[in-house]
Amino acid sequence: MVRRHELTDAQWRKIEPLLPGNGRPGGQWADHRRVINAVLFRARTGVPRPDLPERYGPGQTVYERHRRWSADGTGKALLQELRIEADAGNPDGALARQVSRQEWAVTIDSTSCRAHQHAAGAPRKPPAGHPQKGGGTREEAEGREALGRSRGGLTGRVHLLSDDRARPLHWLTSPGRRGDSPMFAPVLDGLRIRRRGPGRPRSRPDRVRGAKAYSSRDNRAYLRQRGIKATLAQPDDQRAHRKKRGRSGGRPPAFDRARYRRRNAVERCVNKWKQFRAVATRYDKRDHIFNGTLTVTAVVIWLRDTAQEPSETP
């Protein structure tokens, strides 16, 4: 019997071939489906791993599997395959149909995640394999783990790109005090939608939508250099400064209100994500493990979306 928040049979059949097999003799994995369902149960409810129901097995096994797959990129590989299917025009995907019918537009935004007290206190020493050496200061440790002090206390921030179906395409984490505008270019630079077969990954959308926080000269110049159209709301102070300069202020940037209304896609994406309590409130000490939680929940969002798409091709 499939319980709430667990993978359905159809979803499991889609991701089962993409999971790693057993290792050397004597190194048998515990059942993958049971462990993934345990990770999803913990992500949905936010319970500590020792308090997981007995049907999911030992909590330490769940933690070690989640930690390992967060570090080696197994979860990101699953998400990448789902995006490849959508981009390839598979009947279970919609990204290619969206691109073929109209321009490929993405929306950028950020959301704060309040850190639980269990997320604080990560060792200042970087984890194994981290490029930073030495113990580091408290500020360096917080920045490395994407946690920082802000008016809301200890928080982290998720900067994300969403497509028009409210599915996460790419994201970066940062301390909660980090602004939105400086993360604009790094988030877009990380967008890579691989293709089925030969060809470069799809990395340059036709249009980017964003709120007033992203309206800056540097961000608009970055989009012009890459040939990407901008639909960015302009704050009042920038408008007043341009008008004050008269003719030397130049023309106002183009702004399409009809296209800007579709920016709600990224807000709906955040709403889907924060249905998982371990995303709305961060419980993981290490940033790469929290990113693993974001990844496995993003996989579920994509699986649920593809299950709702029509089966016939256009």
C-alpha atoms as a PDB file:
ATOM      1  CA  MET A   1       0.000   0.000   0.000  1.00  0.00           C
ATOM      2  CA  VAL A   2       1.355   3.410  -0.997  1.00  0.00           C
ATOM      3  CA  ARG A   3       1.039   5.886   1.868  1.00  0.00           C
ATOM      4  CA  ARG A   4       0.889   9.657   1.706  1.00  0.00           C
ATOM      5  CA  HIS A   5       4.047  11.414   0.510  1.00  0.00           C
ATOM      6  CA  GLU A   6       5.525   8.163  -0.837  1.00  0.00           C
ATOM      7  CA  LEU A   7       6.450   7.398  -4.444  1.00  0.00           C
ATOM      8  CA  THR A   8       3.714   5.824  -6.520  1.00  0.00           C
ATOM      9  CA  ASP A   9       4.451   2.764  -8.656  1.00  0.00           C
ATOM     10  CA  ALA A  10       4.546   4.890 -11.823  1.00  0.00           C
ATOM     11  CA  GLN A  11       6.956   7.375 -10.273  1.00  0.00           C
ATOM     12  CA  TRP A  12       9.178   4.596  -8.974  1.00  0.00           C
ATOM     13  CA  ARG A  13       9.360   2.930 -12.395  1.00  0.00           C
ATOM     14  CA  LYS A  14      10.532   6.226 -13.860  1.00  0.00           C
ATOM     15  CA  ILE A  15      13.476   6.721 -11.506  1.00  0.00           C
ATOM     16  CA  GLU A  16      14.427   3.125 -10.618  1.00  0.00           C
ATOM     17  CA  PRO A  17      16.717   2.589 -13.663  1.00  0.00           C
ATOM     18  CA  LEU A  18      18.613   5.792 -12.815  1.00  0.00           C
ATOM     19  CA  LEU A  19      19.629   4.749  -9.303  1.00  0.00           C
ATOM     20  CA  PRO A  20      23.041   3.164  -8.557  1.00  0.00           C
ATOM     21  CA  GLY A  21      23.204  -0.620  -8.266  1.00  0.00           C
ATOM     22  CA  ASN A  22      24.813  -2.693  -5.553  1.00  0.00           C
ATOM     23  CA  GLY A  23      28.543  -2.320  -5.063  1.00  0.00           C
ATOM     24  CA  ARG A  24      31.181  -4.957  -4.477  1.00  0.00           C
ATOM     25  CA  PRO A  25      30.153  -8.305  -2.903  1.00  0.00           C
ATOM     26  CA  GLY A  26      29.134  -7.796   0.689  1.00  0.00           C
ATOM     27  CA  GLY A  27      28.192  -4.168   0.062  1.00  0.00           C
ATOM     28  CA  GLN A  28      24.477  -4.597  -0.548  1.00  0.00           C
ATOM     29  CA  TRP A  29      22.292  -1.510  -0.445  1.00  0.00           C
ATOM     30  CA  ALA A  30      19.165  -1.385   1.629  1.00  0.00           C
ATOM     31  CA  ASP A  31      16.044  -1.155  -0.514  1.00  0.00           C
ATOM     32  CA  HIS A  32      16.278   2.098  -2.469  1.00  0.00           C
ATOM     33  CA  ARG A  33      12.542   2.735  -2.583  1.00  0.00           C
ATOM     34  CA  ARG A  34      12.125   2.356   1.163  1.00  0.00           C
ATOM     35  CA  VAL A  35      15.003   4.750   1.867  1.00  0.00           C
ATOM     36  CA  ILE A  36      13.764   7.360  -0.627  1.00  0.00           C
ATOM     37  CA  ASN A  37      10.288   7.171   0.887  1.00  0.00           C
ATOM     38  CA  ALA A  38      11.885   7.742   4.295  1.00  0.00           C
ATOM     39  CA  VAL A  39      13.723  10.808   3.005  1.00  0.00           C
ATOM     40  CA  LEU A  40      10.452  12.141   1.553  1.00  0.00           C
ATOM     41  CA  PHE A  41       8.583  11.449   4.795  1.00  0.00           C
ATOM     42  CA  ARG A  42      11.200  13.358   6.741  1.00  0.00           C
ATOM     43  CA  ALA A  43      11.195  16.205   4.170  1.00  0.00           C
ATOM     44  CA  ARG A  44       7.407  16.475   4.274  1.00  0.00           C
ATOM     45  CA  THR A  45       6.968  16.297   8.050  1.00  0.00           C
ATOM     46  CA  GLY A  46      10.293  17.629   9.347  1.00  0.00           C
ATOM     47  CA  VAL A  47      10.642  14.913  11.999  1.00  0.00           C
ATOM     48  CA  PRO A  48      14.147  14.060  13.253  1.00  0.00           C
ATOM     49  CA  ARG A  49      15.564  10.976  11.599  1.00  0.00           C
ATOM     50  CA  PRO A  50      15.619   8.909  14.835  1.00  0.00           C
ATOM     51  CA  ASP A  51      11.843   9.447  15.032  1.00  0.00           C
ATOM     52  CA  LEU A  52      11.094   7.983  11.598  1.00  0.00           C
ATOM     53  CA  PRO A  53       8.490   5.178  11.601  1.00  0.00           C
ATOM     54  CA  GLU A  54       9.934   1.688  11.964  1.00  0.00           C
ATOM     55  CA  ARG A  55       8.683   0.664   8.523  1.00  0.00           C
ATOM     56  CA  TYR A  56      11.479   2.790   6.998  1.00  0.00           C
ATOM     57  CA  GLY A  57      14.287   0.997   8.801  1.00  0.00           C
ATOM     58  CA  PRO A  58      17.152   2.505  10.823  1.00  0.00           C
ATOM     59  CA  GLY A  59      17.356   6.283  10.784  1.00  0.00           C
ATOM     60  CA  GLN A  60      21.149   6.132  10.443  1.00  0.00           C
ATOM     61  CA  THR A  61      20.793   4.237   7.155  1.00  0.00           C
ATOM     62  CA  VAL A  62      18.456   6.918   5.845  1.00  0.00           C
ATOM     63  CA  TYR A  63      20.860   9.664   6.887  1.00  0.00           C
ATOM     64  CA  GLU A  64      23.937   8.017   5.362  1.00  0.00           C
ATOM     65  CA  ARG A  65      22.166   7.335   2.059  1.00  0.00           C
ATOM     66  CA  HIS A  66      20.831  10.883   1.883  1.00  0.00           C
ATOM     67  CA  ARG A  67      24.233  12.330   2.806  1.00  0.00           C
ATOM     68  CA  ARG A  68      26.068  10.215   0.237  1.00  0.00           C
ATOM     69  CA  TRP A  69      23.652  10.923  -2.616  1.00  0.00           C
ATOM     70  CA  SER A  70      23.701  14.642  -1.738  1.00  0.00           C
ATOM     71  CA  ALA A  71      27.494  14.681  -2.000  1.00  0.00           C
ATOM     72  CA  ASP A  72      28.012  12.506  -5.104  1.00  0.00           C
ATOM     73  CA  GLY A  73      25.275  14.131  -7.230  1.00  0.00           C
ATOM     74  CA  THR A  74      22.923  11.139  -7.509  1.00  0.00           C
ATOM     75  CA  GLY A  75      19.885  13.310  -6.775  1.00  0.00           C
ATOM     76  CA  LYS A  76      20.965  15.942  -9.294  1.00  0.00           C
ATOM     77  CA  ALA A  77      21.401  13.220 -11.915  1.00  0.00           C
ATOM     78  CA  LEU A  78      17.784  12.118 -11.350  1.00  0.00           C
ATOM     79  CA  LEU A  79      16.547  15.680 -11.741  1.00  0.00           C
ATOM     80  CA  GLN A  80      18.664  16.148 -14.848  1.00  0.00           C
ATOM     81  CA  GLU A  81      17.178  13.075 -16.521  1.00  0.00           C
ATOM     82  CA  LEU A  82      13.650  14.314 -15.865  1.00  0.00           C
ATOM     83  CA  ARG A  83      14.499  17.658 -17.455  1.00  0.00           C
ATOM     84  CA  ILE A  84      16.120  15.910 -20.437  1.00  0.00           C
ATOM     85  CA  GLU A  85      12.923  13.935 -21.063  1.00  0.00           C
ATOM     86  CA  ALA A  86      10.848  17.112 -20.960  1.00  0.00           C
ATOM     87  CA  ASP A  87      13.229  18.963 -23.276  1.00  0.00           C
ATOM     88  CA  ALA A  88      13.397  16.054 -25.729  1.00  0.00           C
ATOM     89  CA  GLY A  89       9.660  16.258 -26.392  1.00  0.00           C
ATOM     90  CA  ASN A  90       8.791  13.080 -24.539  1.00  0.00           C
ATOM     91  CA  PRO A  91       5.009  12.737 -24.072  1.00  0.00           C
ATOM     92  CA  ASP A  92       5.716  12.861 -20.341  1.00  0.00           C
ATOM     93  CA  GLY A  93       7.406  16.262 -20.607  1.00  0.00           C
ATOM     94  CA  ALA A  94       6.300  19.743 -21.569  1.00  0.00           C
ATOM     95  CA  LEU A  95       9.442  21.879 -21.781  1.00  0.00           C
ATOM     96  CA  ALA A  96      10.051  21.081 -25.456  1.00  0.00           C
ATOM     97  CA  ARG A  97       6.411  21.775 -26.357  1.00  0.00           C
ATOM     98  CA  GLN A  98       6.646  25.047 -24.482  1.00  0.00           C
ATOM     99  CA  VAL A  99       9.830  25.987 -26.378  1.00  0.00           C
ATOM    100  CA  SER A 100       8.430  24.964 -29.786  1.00  0.00           C
ATOM    101  CA  ARG A 101       5.168  26.916 -29.416  1.00  0.00           C
ATOM    102  CA  GLN A 102       6.502  30.105 -27.871  1.00  0.00           C
ATOM    103  CA  GLU A 103       9.634  31.657 -26.448  1.00  0.00           C
ATOM    104  CA  TRP A 104      11.426  29.877 -23.649  1.00  0.00           C
ATOM    105  CA  ALA A 105      10.962  32.152 -20.636  1.00  0.00           C
ATOM    106  CA  VAL A 106      12.254  31.598 -17.114  1.00  0.00           C
ATOM    107  CA  THR A 107      11.489  33.501 -13.935  1.00  0.00           C
ATOM    108  CA  ILE A 108      13.945  34.290 -11.155  1.00  0.00           C
ATOM    109  CA  ASP A 109      13.201  34.944  -7.507  1.00  0.00           C
ATOM    110  CA  SER A 110      14.414  34.035  -4.029  1.00  0.00           C
ATOM    111  CA  THR A 111      12.912  32.800  -0.796  1.00  0.00           C
ATOM    112  CA  SER A 112      14.119  32.743   2.790  1.00  0.00           C
ATOM    113  CA  CYS A 113      14.270  29.551   4.834  1.00  0.00           C
ATOM    114  CA  ARG A 114      14.340  30.023   8.577  1.00  0.00           C
ATOM    115  CA  ALA A 115      16.914  27.761  10.170  1.00  0.00           C
ATOM    116  CA  HIS A 116      15.855  25.564  13.066  1.00  0.00           C
ATOM    117  CA  GLN A 117      18.131  25.443  16.077  1.00  0.00           C
ATOM    118  CA  HIS A 118      19.215  21.952  14.940  1.00  0.00           C
ATOM    119  CA  ALA A 119      20.687  23.517  11.781  1.00  0.00           C
ATOM    120  CA  ALA A 120      23.101  25.663  13.787  1.00  0.00           C
ATOM    121  CA  GLY A 121      26.449  24.551  15.158  1.00  0.00           C
ATOM    122  CA  ALA A 122      28.045  22.923  12.111  1.00  0.00           C
ATOM    123  CA  PRO A 123      31.798  22.394  12.656  1.00  0.00           C
ATOM    124  CA  ARG A 124      33.899  25.280  11.411  1.00  0.00           C
ATOM    125  CA  LYS A 125      36.195  22.801   9.755  1.00  0.00           C
ATOM    126  CA  PRO A 126      35.079  22.296   6.117  1.00  0.00           C
ATOM    127  CA  PRO A 127      33.706  18.846   5.225  1.00  0.00           C
ATOM    128  CA  ALA A 128      35.957  16.354   3.458  1.00  0.00           C
ATOM    129  CA  GLY A 129      36.669  17.356  -0.118  1.00  0.00           C
ATOM    130  CA  HIS A 130      35.796  21.042   0.376  1.00  0.00           C
ATOM    131  CA  PRO A 131      38.299  23.368  -1.383  1.00  0.00           C
ATOM    132  CA  GLN A 132      38.602  25.653   1.658  1.00  0.00           C
ATOM    133  CA  LYS A 133      41.363  24.566   4.061  1.00  0.00           C
ATOM    134  CA  GLY A 134      41.710  25.166   7.752  1.00  0.00           C
ATOM    135  CA  GLY A 135      39.121  25.816  10.438  1.00  0.00           C
ATOM    136  CA  GLY A 136      38.035  29.292   9.355  1.00  0.00           C
ATOM    137  CA  THR A 137      36.195  31.959  11.266  1.00  0.00           C
ATOM    138  CA  ARG A 138      32.580  31.891  12.330  1.00  0.00           C
ATOM    139  CA  GLU A 139      31.625  34.157   9.391  1.00  0.00           C
ATOM    140  CA  GLU A 140      33.443  31.889   6.922  1.00  0.00           C
ATOM    141  CA  ALA A 141      31.737  28.810   8.358  1.00  0.00           C
ATOM    142  CA  GLU A 142      28.287  30.459   8.098  1.00  0.00           C
ATOM    143  CA  GLY A 143      28.947  31.534   4.514  1.00  0.00           C
ATOM    144  CA  ARG A 144      30.166  28.074   3.573  1.00  0.00           C
ATOM    145  CA  GLU A 145      27.034  26.477   5.000  1.00  0.00           C
ATOM    146  CA  ALA A 146      24.713  29.144   3.459  1.00  0.00           C
ATOM    147  CA  LEU A 147      23.474  30.382   6.822  1.00  0.00           C
ATOM    148  CA  GLY A 148      23.644  33.949   8.113  1.00  0.00           C
ATOM    149  CA  ARG A 149      22.239  36.297  10.693  1.00  0.00           C
ATOM    150  CA  SER A 150      19.508  38.635   9.490  1.00  0.00           C
ATOM    151  CA  ARG A 151      16.561  40.426  11.035  1.00  0.00           C
ATOM    152  CA  GLY A 152      14.727  37.120  11.035  1.00  0.00           C
ATOM    153  CA  GLY A 153      17.478  35.368  12.958  1.00  0.00           C
ATOM    154  CA  LEU A 154      19.551  32.542  11.505  1.00  0.00           C
ATOM    155  CA  THR A 155      18.305  32.070   7.947  1.00  0.00           C
ATOM    156  CA  GLY A 156      19.329  30.766   4.565  1.00  0.00           C
ATOM    157  CA  ARG A 157      18.236  31.923   1.149  1.00  0.00           C
ATOM    158  CA  VAL A 158      17.363  29.956  -1.995  1.00  0.00           C
ATOM    159  CA  HIS A 159      17.773  31.782  -5.316  1.00  0.00           C
ATOM    160  CA  LEU A 160      15.924  29.872  -8.017  1.00  0.00           C
ATOM    161  CA  LEU A 161      14.857  29.779 -11.639  1.00  0.00           C
ATOM    162  CA  SER A 162      11.449  28.401 -12.541  1.00  0.00           C
ATOM    163  CA  ASP A 163       9.784  27.540 -15.833  1.00  0.00           C
ATOM    164  CA  ASP A 164       6.199  28.461 -16.678  1.00  0.00           C
ATOM    165  CA  ARG A 165       4.913  25.182 -15.218  1.00  0.00           C
ATOM    166  CA  ALA A 166       6.208  26.224 -11.776  1.00  0.00           C
ATOM    167  CA  ARG A 167       9.013  23.639 -11.794  1.00  0.00           C
ATOM    168  CA  PRO A 168      12.477  24.443 -10.390  1.00  0.00           C
ATOM    169  CA  LEU A 169      15.161  24.523 -13.081  1.00  0.00           C
ATOM    170  CA  HIS A 170      18.201  25.669 -11.128  1.00  0.00           C
ATOM    171  CA  TRP A 171      18.955  27.201  -7.751  1.00  0.00           C
ATOM    172  CA  LEU A 172      21.757  28.396  -5.503  1.00  0.00           C
ATOM    173  CA  THR A 173      21.805  28.794  -1.737  1.00  0.00           C
ATOM    174  CA  SER A 174      23.307  31.693   0.200  1.00  0.00           C
ATOM    175  CA  PRO A 175      23.233  33.191   3.700  1.00  0.00           C
ATOM    176  CA  GLY A 176      19.959  34.901   4.555  1.00  0.00           C
ATOM    177  CA  ARG A 177      21.487  38.383   4.515  1.00  0.00           C
ATOM    178  CA  ARG A 178      22.667  38.055   0.903  1.00  0.00           C
ATOM    179  CA  GLY A 179      20.873  40.327  -1.549  1.00  0.00           C
ATOM    180  CA  ASP A 180      19.015  39.182  -4.650  1.00  0.00           C
ATOM    181  CA  SER A 181      20.691  41.300  -7.329  1.00  0.00           C
ATOM    182  CA  PRO A 182      24.282  39.990  -6.835  1.00  0.00           C
ATOM    183  CA  MET A 183      23.002  36.423  -7.325  1.00  0.00           C
ATOM    184  CA  PHE A 184      21.271  37.198 -10.638  1.00  0.00           C
ATOM    185  CA  ALA A 185      24.162  36.326 -12.971  1.00  0.00           C
ATOM    186  CA  PRO A 186      25.470  33.309 -10.974  1.00  0.00           C
ATOM    187  CA  VAL A 187      22.018  31.675 -10.979  1.00  0.00           C
ATOM    188  CA  LEU A 188      21.562  32.184 -14.732  1.00  0.00           C
ATOM    189  CA  ASP A 189      25.114  30.988 -15.440  1.00  0.00           C
ATOM    190  CA  GLY A 190      24.288  27.693 -13.762  1.00  0.00           C
ATOM    191  CA  LEU A 191      21.259  26.939 -15.956  1.00  0.00           C
ATOM    192  CA  ARG A 192      22.014  23.825 -18.021  1.00  0.00           C
ATOM    193  CA  ILE A 193      19.295  21.728 -19.670  1.00  0.00           C
ATOM    194  CA  ARG A 194      21.047  18.838 -21.366  1.00  0.00           C
ATOM    195  CA  ARG A 195      19.722  17.438 -24.612  1.00  0.00           C
ATOM    196  CA  ARG A 196      19.002  13.870 -25.573  1.00  0.00           C
ATOM    197  CA  GLY A 197      21.879  12.935 -27.880  1.00  0.00           C
ATOM    198  CA  PRO A 198      24.516  15.330 -29.256  1.00  0.00           C
ATOM    199  CA  GLY A 199      24.347  19.064 -28.801  1.00  0.00           C
ATOM    200  CA  ARG A 200      25.218  21.647 -26.227  1.00  0.00           C
ATOM    201  CA  PRO A 201      23.062  22.003 -23.117  1.00  0.00           C
ATOM    202  CA  ARG A 202      20.299  24.562 -23.354  1.00  0.00           C
ATOM    203  CA  SER A 203      21.573  27.444 -21.248  1.00  0.00           C
ATOM    204  CA  ARG A 204      20.237  30.663 -22.773  1.00  0.00           C
ATOM    205  CA  PRO A 205      16.505  31.319 -22.363  1.00  0.00           C
ATOM    206  CA  ASP A 206      14.715  33.741 -24.650  1.00  0.00           C
ATOM    207  CA  ARG A 207      13.402  35.856 -21.786  1.00  0.00           C
ATOM    208  CA  VAL A 208      13.989  36.346 -18.073  1.00  0.00           C
ATOM    209  CA  ARG A 209      11.343  37.758 -15.753  1.00  0.00           C
ATOM    210  CA  GLY A 210      12.169  39.230 -12.387  1.00  0.00           C
ATOM    211  CA  ALA A 211      10.998  41.572  -9.652  1.00  0.00           C
ATOM    212  CA  LYS A 212      12.280  45.062  -8.888  1.00  0.00           C
ATOM    213  CA  ALA A 213      15.198  43.705  -6.869  1.00  0.00           C
ATOM    214  CA  TYR A 214      16.890  42.492 -10.076  1.00  0.00           C
ATOM    215  CA  SER A 215      16.554  45.754 -12.018  1.00  0.00           C
ATOM    216  CA  SER A 216      20.103  47.091 -12.199  1.00  0.00           C
ATOM    217  CA  ARG A 217      22.383  48.311 -14.966  1.00  0.00           C
ATOM    218  CA  ASP A 218      24.757  45.390 -14.494  1.00  0.00           C
ATOM    219  CA  ASN A 219      21.992  42.792 -14.715  1.00  0.00           C
ATOM    220  CA  ARG A 220      20.441  44.374 -17.802  1.00  0.00           C
ATOM    221  CA  ALA A 221      23.874  44.657 -19.451  1.00  0.00           C
ATOM    222  CA  TYR A 222      24.494  40.978 -18.651  1.00  0.00           C
ATOM    223  CA  LEU A 223      21.260  39.993 -20.406  1.00  0.00           C
ATOM    224  CA  ARG A 224      22.019  42.176 -23.449  1.00  0.00           C
ATOM    225  CA  GLN A 225      25.457  40.580 -23.831  1.00  0.00           C
ATOM    226  CA  ARG A 226      23.846  37.137 -23.900  1.00  0.00           C
ATOM    227  CA  GLY A 227      21.005  38.172 -26.191  1.00  0.00           C
ATOM    228  CA  ILE A 228      18.301  37.527 -23.590  1.00  0.00           C
ATOM    229  CA  LYS A 229      15.195  39.693 -23.395  1.00  0.00           C
ATOM    230  CA  ALA A 230      14.412  41.215 -20.009  1.00  0.00           C
ATOM    231  CA  THR A 231      11.066  41.676 -18.291  1.00  0.00           C
ATOM    232  CA  LEU A 232      12.239  43.265 -15.062  1.00  0.00           C
ATOM    233  CA  ALA A 233      10.126  45.657 -13.037  1.00  0.00           C
ATOM    234  CA  GLN A 234      11.840  48.985 -12.391  1.00  0.00           C
ATOM    235  CA  PRO A 235      11.734  50.506  -8.890  1.00  0.00           C
ATOM    236  CA  ASP A 236      10.466  54.029  -8.370  1.00  0.00           C
ATOM    237  CA  ASP A 237      13.852  55.464  -7.375  1.00  0.00           C
ATOM    238  CA  GLN A 238      15.426  54.349 -10.653  1.00  0.00           C
ATOM    239  CA  ARG A 239      12.591  55.940 -12.618  1.00  0.00           C
ATOM    240  CA  ALA A 240      12.894  59.200 -10.695  1.00  0.00           C
ATOM    241  CA  HIS A 241      16.673  59.284 -11.172  1.00  0.00           C
ATOM    242  CA  ARG A 242      16.318  58.782 -14.930  1.00  0.00           C
ATOM    243  CA  LYS A 243      13.686  61.518 -15.250  1.00  0.00           C
ATOM    244  CA  LYS A 244      15.795  63.865 -13.159  1.00  0.00           C
ATOM    245  CA  ARG A 245      18.654  63.557 -15.634  1.00  0.00           C
ATOM    246  CA  GLY A 246      16.406  64.572 -18.518  1.00  0.00           C
ATOM    247  CA  ARG A 247      17.563  63.569 -21.978  1.00  0.00           C
ATOM    248  CA  SER A 248      20.856  62.265 -20.642  1.00  0.00           C
ATOM    249  CA  GLY A 249      18.905  59.728 -18.627  1.00  0.00           C
ATOM    250  CA  GLY A 250      18.035  57.822 -21.800  1.00  0.00           C
ATOM    251  CA  ARG A 251      14.925  55.924 -22.682  1.00  0.00           C
ATOM    252  CA  PRO A 252      13.123  53.848 -20.086  1.00  0.00           C
ATOM    253  CA  PRO A 253      13.718  50.096 -20.441  1.00  0.00           C
ATOM    254  CA  ALA A 254      11.009  48.145 -22.230  1.00  0.00           C
ATOM    255  CA  PHE A 255       8.487  46.541 -19.905  1.00  0.00           C
ATOM    256  CA  ASP A 256       5.606  44.255 -20.887  1.00  0.00           C
ATOM    257  CA  ARG A 257       2.993  44.042 -18.159  1.00  0.00           C
ATOM    258  CA  ALA A 258       1.241  41.076 -19.783  1.00  0.00           C
ATOM    259  CA  ARG A 259       4.433  39.019 -19.730  1.00  0.00           C
ATOM    260  CA  TYR A 260       5.305  40.218 -16.245  1.00  0.00           C
ATOM    261  CA  ARG A 261       2.047  38.787 -14.893  1.00  0.00           C
ATOM    262  CA  ARG A 262       3.392  35.319 -15.600  1.00  0.00           C
ATOM    263  CA  ARG A 263       6.052  35.893 -12.963  1.00  0.00           C
ATOM    264  CA  ASN A 264       3.667  34.171 -10.567  1.00  0.00           C
ATOM    265  CA  ALA A 265       5.086  30.870 -11.869  1.00  0.00           C
ATOM    266  CA  VAL A 266       8.121  31.172  -9.623  1.00  0.00           C
ATOM    267  CA  GLU A 267       5.933  32.068  -6.645  1.00  0.00           C
ATOM    268  CA  ARG A 268       3.834  28.959  -7.275  1.00  0.00           C
ATOM    269  CA  CYS A 269       7.065  26.971  -7.502  1.00  0.00           C
ATOM    270  CA  VAL A 270       8.108  28.247  -4.079  1.00  0.00           C
ATOM    271  CA  ASN A 271       4.672  27.338  -2.706  1.00  0.00           C
ATOM    272  CA  LYS A 272       5.074  23.776  -4.005  1.00  0.00           C
ATOM    273  CA  TRP A 273       8.535  23.535  -2.511  1.00  0.00           C
ATOM    274  CA  LYS A 274       7.539  24.846   0.897  1.00  0.00           C
ATOM    275  CA  GLN A 275       4.813  22.245   1.235  1.00  0.00           C
ATOM    276  CA  PHE A 276       7.789  20.209   2.441  1.00  0.00           C
ATOM    277  CA  ARG A 277       8.521  21.350   5.974  1.00  0.00           C
ATOM    278  CA  ALA A 278      12.223  20.500   5.741  1.00  0.00           C
ATOM    279  CA  VAL A 279      12.410  23.112   2.954  1.00  0.00           C
ATOM    280  CA  ALA A 280      10.311  25.799   4.635  1.00  0.00           C
ATOM    281  CA  THR A 281      12.393  25.321   7.797  1.00  0.00           C
ATOM    282  CA  ARG A 282      15.966  24.169   7.403  1.00  0.00           C
ATOM    283  CA  TYR A 283      17.021  21.364   9.737  1.00  0.00           C
ATOM    284  CA  ASP A 284      20.263  20.319   7.967  1.00  0.00           C
ATOM    285  CA  LYS A 285      23.540  21.662   9.301  1.00  0.00           C
ATOM    286  CA  ARG A 286      25.540  21.200   6.102  1.00  0.00           C
ATOM    287  CA  ASP A 287      24.677  23.146   2.964  1.00  0.00           C
ATOM    288  CA  HIS A 288      25.268  20.209   0.604  1.00  0.00           C
ATOM    289  CA  ILE A 289      22.826  18.056   2.594  1.00  0.00           C
ATOM    290  CA  PHE A 290      20.216  20.833   2.538  1.00  0.00           C
ATOM    291  CA  ASN A 291      20.747  21.054  -1.221  1.00  0.00           C
ATOM    292  CA  GLY A 292      20.135  17.305  -1.324  1.00  0.00           C
ATOM    293  CA  THR A 293      16.812  17.884   0.435  1.00  0.00           C
ATOM    294  CA  LEU A 294      15.961  20.577  -2.121  1.00  0.00           C
ATOM    295  CA  THR A 295      16.899  18.196  -4.936  1.00  0.00           C
ATOM    296  CA  VAL A 296      14.852  15.194  -3.818  1.00  0.00           C
ATOM    297  CA  THR A 297      11.786  17.403  -3.286  1.00  0.00           C
ATOM    298  CA  ALA A 298      12.338  19.019  -6.701  1.00  0.00           C
ATOM    299  CA  VAL A 299      12.377  15.519  -8.215  1.00  0.00           C
ATOM    300  CA  VAL A 300       8.965  14.880  -6.651  1.00  0.00           C
ATOM    301  CA  ILE A 301       7.632  18.167  -8.060  1.00  0.00           C
ATOM    302  CA  TRP A 302       8.781  17.154 -11.548  1.00  0.00           C
ATOM    303  CA  LEU A 303       7.401  13.616 -11.184  1.00  0.00           C
ATOM    304  CA  ARG A 304       3.996  14.894 -10.109  1.00  0.00           C
ATOM    305  CA  ASP A 305       3.911  17.437 -12.919  1.00  0.00           C
ATOM    306  CA  THR A 306       4.766  14.924 -15.640  1.00  0.00           C
ATOM    307  CA  ALA A 307       2.082  12.565 -14.321  1.00  0.00           C
ATOM    308  CA  GLN A 308      -0.528  15.276 -14.926  1.00  0.00           C
ATOM    309  CA  GLU A 309       0.494  16.084 -18.499  1.00  0.00           C
ATOM    310  CA  PRO A 310      -1.540  14.811 -21.454  1.00  0.00           C
ATOM    311  CA  SER A 311      -0.273  11.627 -23.053  1.00  0.00           C
ATOM    312  CA  GLU A 312      -0.821  12.638 -26.665  1.00  0.00           C
ATOM    313  CA  THR A 313       1.741  14.658 -28.602  1.00  0.00           C
ATOM    314  CA  PRO A 314       0.734  18.001 -30.118  1.00  0.00           C
END
